[in-house]
Amino acid sequence: IYMGQNGPFQVRGWAAAADHYFEQDLRELDLPQCALLASIVNSPGLFNPFNKPENAAKRRTKVLDRMAELS
């Protein structure tokens, strides 16, 4: 799954995205970090936390709120 760009290289997959965005192993991410990755799937360019931090934060909050509604 495409999760964004790292210069000329595509970031593909959850593990690569965890490393690219957080410099952590996927298993080490906390809930807000996981929610951010889930939000990026929808539109990696629009919700890139490096280039559009406000969009990314709003979308992450939306994902977390929806998760709370469903739990």
PDB file of N, CA and C in Angstrom:
ATOM      1  N   ILE A   1       0.848  -1.171   0.000  1.00  0.00           N
ATOM      2  CA  ILE A   1       0.000   0.000   0.000  1.00  0.00           C
ATOM      3  C   ILE A   1       0.900   1.243   0.000  1.00  0.00           C
ATOM      4  N   TYR A   2       0.554   2.197  -0.832  1.00  0.00           N
ATOM      5  CA  TYR A   2       1.341   3.425  -0.963  1.00  0.00           C
ATOM      6  C   TYR A   2       1.048   4.344   0.216  1.00  0.00           C
ATOM      7  N   MET A   3       2.121   4.799   0.896  1.00  0.00           N
ATOM      8  CA  MET A   3       1.977   5.632   2.084  1.00  0.00           C
ATOM      9  C   MET A   3       2.708   6.975   1.972  1.00  0.00           C
ATOM     10  N   GLY A   4       3.249   7.281   0.801  1.00  0.00           N
ATOM     11  CA  GLY A   4       3.901   8.570   0.613  1.00  0.00           C
ATOM     12  C   GLY A   4       5.227   8.451  -0.106  1.00  0.00           C
ATOM     13  N   GLN A   5       5.985   9.564  -0.078  1.00  0.00           N
ATOM     14  CA  GLN A   5       7.273   9.654  -0.763  1.00  0.00           C
ATOM     15  C   GLN A   5       8.370  10.005   0.226  1.00  0.00           C
ATOM     16  N   ASN A   6       9.520   9.427   0.002  1.00  0.00           N
ATOM     17  CA  ASN A   6      10.736   9.786   0.725  1.00  0.00           C
ATOM     18  C   ASN A   6      11.755  10.173  -0.343  1.00  0.00           C
ATOM     19  N   GLY A   7      11.693  11.428  -0.749  1.00  0.00           N
ATOM     20  CA  GLY A   7      12.520  11.859  -1.871  1.00  0.00           C
ATOM     21  C   GLY A   7      12.067  11.139  -3.125  1.00  0.00           C
ATOM     22  N   PRO A   8      12.991  10.498  -3.848  1.00  0.00           N
ATOM     23  CA  PRO A   8      12.600   9.795  -5.066  1.00  0.00           C
ATOM     24  C   PRO A   8      12.007   8.403  -4.800  1.00  0.00           C
ATOM     25  N   PHE A   9      11.975   7.976  -3.557  1.00  0.00           N
ATOM     26  CA  PHE A   9      11.538   6.629  -3.216  1.00  0.00           C
ATOM     27  C   PHE A   9      10.115   6.620  -2.666  1.00  0.00           C
ATOM     28  N   GLN A  10       9.352   5.620  -3.070  1.00  0.00           N
ATOM     29  CA  GLN A  10       8.003   5.455  -2.540  1.00  0.00           C
ATOM     30  C   GLN A  10       8.055   4.766  -1.186  1.00  0.00           C
ATOM     31  N   VAL A  11       7.211   5.228  -0.280  1.00  0.00           N
ATOM     32  CA  VAL A  11       7.041   4.565   1.012  1.00  0.00           C
ATOM     33  C   VAL A  11       5.866   3.618   0.830  1.00  0.00           C
ATOM     34  N   ARG A  12       6.144   2.326   0.924  1.00  0.00           N
ATOM     35  CA  ARG A  12       5.102   1.326   0.692  1.00  0.00           C
ATOM     36  C   ARG A  12       5.013   0.390   1.887  1.00  0.00           C
ATOM     37  N   GLY A  13       3.820   0.297   2.440  1.00  0.00           N
ATOM     38  CA  GLY A  13       3.569  -0.630   3.535  1.00  0.00           C
ATOM     39  C   GLY A  13       3.631   0.056   4.892  1.00  0.00           C
ATOM     40  N   TRP A  14       3.003  -0.615   5.863  1.00  0.00           N
ATOM     41  CA  TRP A  14       2.895  -0.068   7.218  1.00  0.00           C
ATOM     42  C   TRP A  14       4.262   0.047   7.897  1.00  0.00           C
ATOM     43  N   ALA A  15       5.086  -0.963   7.759  1.00  0.00           N
ATOM     44  CA  ALA A  15       6.396  -0.944   8.418  1.00  0.00           C
ATOM     45  C   ALA A  15       7.280   0.162   7.848  1.00  0.00           C
ATOM     46  N   ALA A  16       7.266   0.320   6.546  1.00  0.00           N
ATOM     47  CA  ALA A  16       8.056   1.389   5.918  1.00  0.00           C
ATOM     48  C   ALA A  16       7.544   2.760   6.335  1.00  0.00           C
ATOM     49  N   ALA A  17       6.233   2.894   6.468  1.00  0.00           N
ATOM     50  CA  ALA A  17       5.648   4.167   6.888  1.00  0.00           C
ATOM     51  C   ALA A  17       6.014   4.481   8.337  1.00  0.00           C
ATOM     52  N   ALA A  18       5.987   3.481   9.207  1.00  0.00           N
ATOM     53  CA  ALA A  18       6.375   3.694  10.608  1.00  0.00           C
ATOM     54  C   ALA A  18       7.821   4.172  10.690  1.00  0.00           C
ATOM     55  N   ASP A  19       8.670   3.574   9.898  1.00  0.00           N
ATOM     56  CA  ASP A  19      10.081   3.974   9.881  1.00  0.00           C
ATOM     57  C   ASP A  19      10.241   5.377   9.293  1.00  0.00           C
ATOM     58  N   HIS A  20       9.560   5.651   8.208  1.00  0.00           N
ATOM     59  CA  HIS A  20       9.696   6.951   7.534  1.00  0.00           C
ATOM     60  C   HIS A  20       9.155   8.097   8.382  1.00  0.00           C
ATOM     61  N   TYR A  21       7.958   7.960   8.895  1.00  0.00           N
ATOM     62  CA  TYR A  21       7.314   9.065   9.603  1.00  0.00           C
ATOM     63  C   TYR A  21       7.738   9.193  11.069  1.00  0.00           C
ATOM     64  N   PHE A  22       8.076   8.054  11.708  1.00  0.00           N
ATOM     65  CA  PHE A  22       8.361   8.090  13.141  1.00  0.00           C
ATOM     66  C   PHE A  22       9.735   7.553  13.527  1.00  0.00           C
ATOM     67  N   GLU A  23      10.458   6.995  12.561  1.00  0.00           N
ATOM     68  CA  GLU A  23      11.759   6.371  12.822  1.00  0.00           C
ATOM     69  C   GLU A  23      11.649   5.335  13.938  1.00  0.00           C
ATOM     70  N   GLN A  24      10.579   4.541  13.869  1.00  0.00           N
ATOM     71  CA  GLN A  24      10.329   3.491  14.852  1.00  0.00           C
ATOM     72  C   GLN A  24       9.851   2.240  14.140  1.00  0.00           C
ATOM     73  N   ASP A  25      10.017   1.132  14.822  1.00  0.00           N
ATOM     74  CA  ASP A  25       9.451  -0.123  14.361  1.00  0.00           C
ATOM     75  C   ASP A  25       7.933  -0.046  14.510  1.00  0.00           C
ATOM     76  N   LEU A  26       7.226  -0.658  13.609  1.00  0.00           N
ATOM     77  CA  LEU A  26       5.771  -0.636  13.628  1.00  0.00           C
ATOM     78  C   LEU A  26       5.208  -1.097  14.973  1.00  0.00           C
ATOM     79  N   ARG A  27       5.833  -2.089  15.576  1.00  0.00           N
ATOM     80  CA  ARG A  27       5.352  -2.633  16.850  1.00  0.00           C
ATOM     81  C   ARG A  27       5.530  -1.658  18.015  1.00  0.00           C
ATOM     82  N   GLU A  28       6.313  -0.617  17.835  1.00  0.00           N
ATOM     83  CA  GLU A  28       6.581   0.344  18.905  1.00  0.00           C
ATOM     84  C   GLU A  28       5.663   1.564  18.871  1.00  0.00           C
ATOM     85  N   LEU A  29       4.815   1.681  17.864  1.00  0.00           N
ATOM     86  CA  LEU A  29       3.975   2.867  17.726  1.00  0.00           C
ATOM     87  C   LEU A  29       2.865   2.883  18.768  1.00  0.00           C
ATOM     88  N   ASP A  30       2.514   4.097  19.183  1.00  0.00           N
ATOM     89  CA  ASP A  30       1.385   4.249  20.103  1.00  0.00           C
ATOM     90  C   ASP A  30       0.108   4.493  19.275  1.00  0.00           C
ATOM     91  N   LEU A  31      -1.010   4.595  19.979  1.00  0.00           N
ATOM     92  CA  LEU A  31      -2.297   4.721  19.298  1.00  0.00           C
ATOM     93  C   LEU A  31      -2.390   5.960  18.400  1.00  0.00           C
ATOM     94  N   PRO A  32      -2.001   7.153  18.859  1.00  0.00           N
ATOM     95  CA  PRO A  32      -2.070   8.315  17.961  1.00  0.00           C
ATOM     96  C   PRO A  32      -1.193   8.166  16.707  1.00  0.00           C
ATOM     97  N   GLN A  33      -0.048   7.531  16.857  1.00  0.00           N
ATOM     98  CA  GLN A  33       0.807   7.302  15.683  1.00  0.00           C
ATOM     99  C   GLN A  33       0.138   6.335  14.714  1.00  0.00           C
ATOM    100  N   CYS A  34      -0.473   5.288  15.229  1.00  0.00           N
ATOM    101  CA  CYS A  34      -1.197   4.338  14.376  1.00  0.00           C
ATOM    102  C   CYS A  34      -2.368   5.023  13.676  1.00  0.00           C
ATOM    103  N   ALA A  35      -3.058   5.894  14.404  1.00  0.00           N
ATOM    104  CA  ALA A  35      -4.178   6.630  13.815  1.00  0.00           C
ATOM    105  C   ALA A  35      -3.693   7.533  12.688  1.00  0.00           C
ATOM    106  N   LEU A  36      -2.532   8.140  12.860  1.00  0.00           N
ATOM    107  CA  LEU A  36      -1.985   8.979  11.796  1.00  0.00           C
ATOM    108  C   LEU A  36      -1.686   8.149  10.562  1.00  0.00           C
ATOM    109  N   LEU A  37      -1.085   6.979  10.747  1.00  0.00           N
ATOM    110  CA  LEU A  37      -0.812   6.119   9.594  1.00  0.00           C
ATOM    111  C   LEU A  37      -2.121   5.710   8.914  1.00  0.00           C
ATOM    112  N   ALA A  38      -3.141   5.415   9.706  1.00  0.00           N
ATOM    113  CA  ALA A  38      -4.434   5.056   9.123  1.00  0.00           C
ATOM    114  C   ALA A  38      -5.008   6.213   8.318  1.00  0.00           C
ATOM    115  N   SER A  39      -4.784   7.426   8.772  1.00  0.00           N
ATOM    116  CA  SER A  39      -5.310   8.584   8.051  1.00  0.00           C
ATOM    117  C   SER A  39      -4.539   8.849   6.768  1.00  0.00           C
ATOM    118  N   ILE A  40      -3.278   8.532   6.754  1.00  0.00           N
ATOM    119  CA  ILE A  40      -2.447   8.772   5.570  1.00  0.00           C
ATOM    120  C   ILE A  40      -2.892   7.920   4.391  1.00  0.00           C
ATOM    121  N   VAL A  41      -3.395   6.729   4.659  1.00  0.00           N
ATOM    122  CA  VAL A  41      -3.812   5.816   3.588  1.00  0.00           C
ATOM    123  C   VAL A  41      -4.802   6.491   2.650  1.00  0.00           C
ATOM    124  N   ASN A  42      -5.710   7.269   3.194  1.00  0.00           N
ATOM    125  CA  ASN A  42      -6.753   7.917   2.401  1.00  0.00           C
ATOM    126  C   ASN A  42      -6.176   8.825   1.328  1.00  0.00           C
ATOM    127  N   SER A  43      -5.151   9.592   1.674  1.00  0.00           N
ATOM    128  CA  SER A  43      -4.525  10.513   0.731  1.00  0.00           C
ATOM    129  C   SER A  43      -3.139  10.898   1.242  1.00  0.00           C
ATOM    130  N   PRO A  44      -2.112  10.131   0.874  1.00  0.00           N
ATOM    131  CA  PRO A  44      -0.769  10.381   1.397  1.00  0.00           C
ATOM    132  C   PRO A  44      -0.248  11.803   1.164  1.00  0.00           C
ATOM    133  N   GLY A  45      -0.594  12.407   0.066  1.00  0.00           N
ATOM    134  CA  GLY A  45      -0.132  13.762  -0.206  1.00  0.00           C
ATOM    135  C   GLY A  45      -0.850  14.803   0.639  1.00  0.00           C
ATOM    136  N   LEU A  46      -2.134  14.626   0.836  1.00  0.00           N
ATOM    137  CA  LEU A  46      -2.935  15.596   1.576  1.00  0.00           C
ATOM    138  C   LEU A  46      -2.721  15.516   3.080  1.00  0.00           C
ATOM    139  N   PHE A  47      -2.388  14.324   3.581  1.00  0.00           N
ATOM    140  CA  PHE A  47      -2.251  14.134   5.024  1.00  0.00           C
ATOM    141  C   PHE A  47      -0.815  13.847   5.465  1.00  0.00           C
ATOM    142  N   ASN A  48       0.151  14.245   4.644  1.00  0.00           N
ATOM    143  CA  ASN A  48       1.558  14.068   4.984  1.00  0.00           C
ATOM    144  C   ASN A  48       1.912  14.975   6.168  1.00  0.00           C
ATOM    145  N   PRO A  49       2.344  14.402   7.298  1.00  0.00           N
ATOM    146  CA  PRO A  49       2.626  15.230   8.472  1.00  0.00           C
ATOM    147  C   PRO A  49       3.841  16.149   8.317  1.00  0.00           C
ATOM    148  N   PHE A  50       4.717  15.868   7.378  1.00  0.00           N
ATOM    149  CA  PHE A  50       5.869  16.737   7.140  1.00  0.00           C
ATOM    150  C   PHE A  50       5.481  17.968   6.322  1.00  0.00           C
ATOM    151  N   ASN A  51       4.678  17.754   5.296  1.00  0.00           N
ATOM    152  CA  ASN A  51       4.319  18.839   4.383  1.00  0.00           C
ATOM    153  C   ASN A  51       3.037  19.570   4.770  1.00  0.00           C
ATOM    154  N   LYS A  52       2.109  18.853   5.385  1.00  0.00           N
ATOM    155  CA  LYS A  52       0.808  19.441   5.745  1.00  0.00           C
ATOM    156  C   LYS A  52       0.431  19.017   7.159  1.00  0.00           C
ATOM    157  N   PRO A  53       1.166  19.509   8.154  1.00  0.00           N
ATOM    158  CA  PRO A  53       0.943  19.060   9.531  1.00  0.00           C
ATOM    159  C   PRO A  53      -0.451  19.352  10.070  1.00  0.00           C
ATOM    160  N   GLU A  54      -1.042  20.464   9.667  1.00  0.00           N
ATOM    161  CA  GLU A  54      -2.391  20.777  10.148  1.00  0.00           C
ATOM    162  C   GLU A  54      -3.405  19.784   9.612  1.00  0.00           C
ATOM    163  N   ASN A  55      -3.320  19.466   8.325  1.00  0.00           N
ATOM    164  CA  ASN A  55      -4.213  18.468   7.739  1.00  0.00           C
ATOM    165  C   ASN A  55      -4.038  17.119   8.426  1.00  0.00           C
ATOM    166  N   ALA A  56      -2.787  16.729   8.646  1.00  0.00           N
ATOM    167  CA  ALA A  56      -2.495  15.438   9.265  1.00  0.00           C
ATOM    168  C   ALA A  56      -3.056  15.377  10.686  1.00  0.00           C
ATOM    169  N   ALA A  57      -2.895  16.442  11.447  1.00  0.00           N
ATOM    170  CA  ALA A  57      -3.393  16.459  12.830  1.00  0.00           C
ATOM    171  C   ALA A  57      -4.913  16.394  12.876  1.00  0.00           C
ATOM    172  N   LYS A  58      -5.575  17.139  12.001  1.00  0.00           N
ATOM    173  CA  LYS A  58      -7.042  17.105  11.953  1.00  0.00           C
ATOM    174  C   LYS A  58      -7.547  15.718  11.581  1.00  0.00           C
ATOM    175  N   ARG A  59      -6.920  15.115  10.598  1.00  0.00           N
ATOM    176  CA  ARG A  59      -7.358  13.783  10.153  1.00  0.00           C
ATOM    177  C   ARG A  59      -7.075  12.743  11.233  1.00  0.00           C
ATOM    178  N   ARG A  60      -5.917  12.832  11.905  1.00  0.00           N
ATOM    179  CA  ARG A  60      -5.607  11.908  12.991  1.00  0.00           C
ATOM    180  C   ARG A  60      -6.657  12.008  14.100  1.00  0.00           C
ATOM    181  N   THR A  61      -7.039  13.225  14.443  1.00  0.00           N
ATOM    182  CA  THR A  61      -8.063  13.429  15.469  1.00  0.00           C
ATOM    183  C   THR A  61      -9.389  12.829  15.027  1.00  0.00           C
ATOM    184  N   LYS A  62      -9.717  12.983  13.768  1.00  0.00           N
ATOM    185  CA  LYS A  62     -10.959  12.400  13.242  1.00  0.00           C
ATOM    186  C   LYS A  62     -10.930  10.876  13.363  1.00  0.00           C
ATOM    187  N   VAL A  63      -9.807  10.274  13.030  1.00  0.00           N
ATOM    188  CA  VAL A  63      -9.670   8.818  13.140  1.00  0.00           C
ATOM    189  C   VAL A  63      -9.783   8.385  14.605  1.00  0.00           C
ATOM    190  N   LEU A  64      -9.112   9.084  15.503  1.00  0.00           N
ATOM    191  CA  LEU A  64      -9.180   8.739  16.931  1.00  0.00           C
ATOM    192  C   LEU A  64     -10.603   8.902  17.473  1.00  0.00           C
ATOM    193  N   ASP A  65     -11.288   9.969  17.080  1.00  0.00           N
ATOM    194  CA  ASP A  65     -12.673  10.175  17.520  1.00  0.00           C
ATOM    195  C   ASP A  65     -13.584   9.058  17.021  1.00  0.00           C
ATOM    196  N   ARG A  66     -13.384   8.669  15.798  1.00  0.00           N
ATOM    197  CA  ARG A  66     -14.218   7.586  15.228  1.00  0.00           C
ATOM    198  C   ARG A  66     -13.928   6.268  15.933  1.00  0.00           C
ATOM    199  N   MET A  67     -12.673   6.017  16.255  1.00  0.00           N
ATOM    200  CA  MET A  67     -12.315   4.802  16.991  1.00  0.00           C
ATOM    201  C   MET A  67     -12.993   4.792  18.360  1.00  0.00           C
ATOM    202  N   ALA A  68     -13.038   5.942  19.021  1.00  0.00           N
ATOM    203  CA  ALA A  68     -13.677   6.039  20.333  1.00  0.00           C
ATOM    204  C   ALA A  68     -15.181   5.789  20.224  1.00  0.00           C
ATOM    205  N   GLU A  69     -15.794   6.298  19.155  1.00  0.00           N
ATOM    206  CA  GLU A  69     -17.223   6.072  18.928  1.00  0.00           C
ATOM    207  C   GLU A  69     -17.541   4.591  18.763  1.00  0.00           C
ATOM    208  N   LEU A  70     -16.651   3.877  18.123  1.00  0.00           N
ATOM    209  CA  LEU A  70     -16.902   2.463  17.811  1.00  0.00           C
ATOM    210  C   LEU A  70     -16.509   1.514  18.927  1.00  0.00           C
ATOM    211  N   SER A  71     -15.822   2.018  19.948  1.00  0.00           N
ATOM    212  CA  SER A  71     -15.387   1.114  21.007  1.00  0.00           C
ATOM    213  C   SER A  71     -16.410   0.986  22.120  1.00  0.00           C
TER     214      SER A  71
END
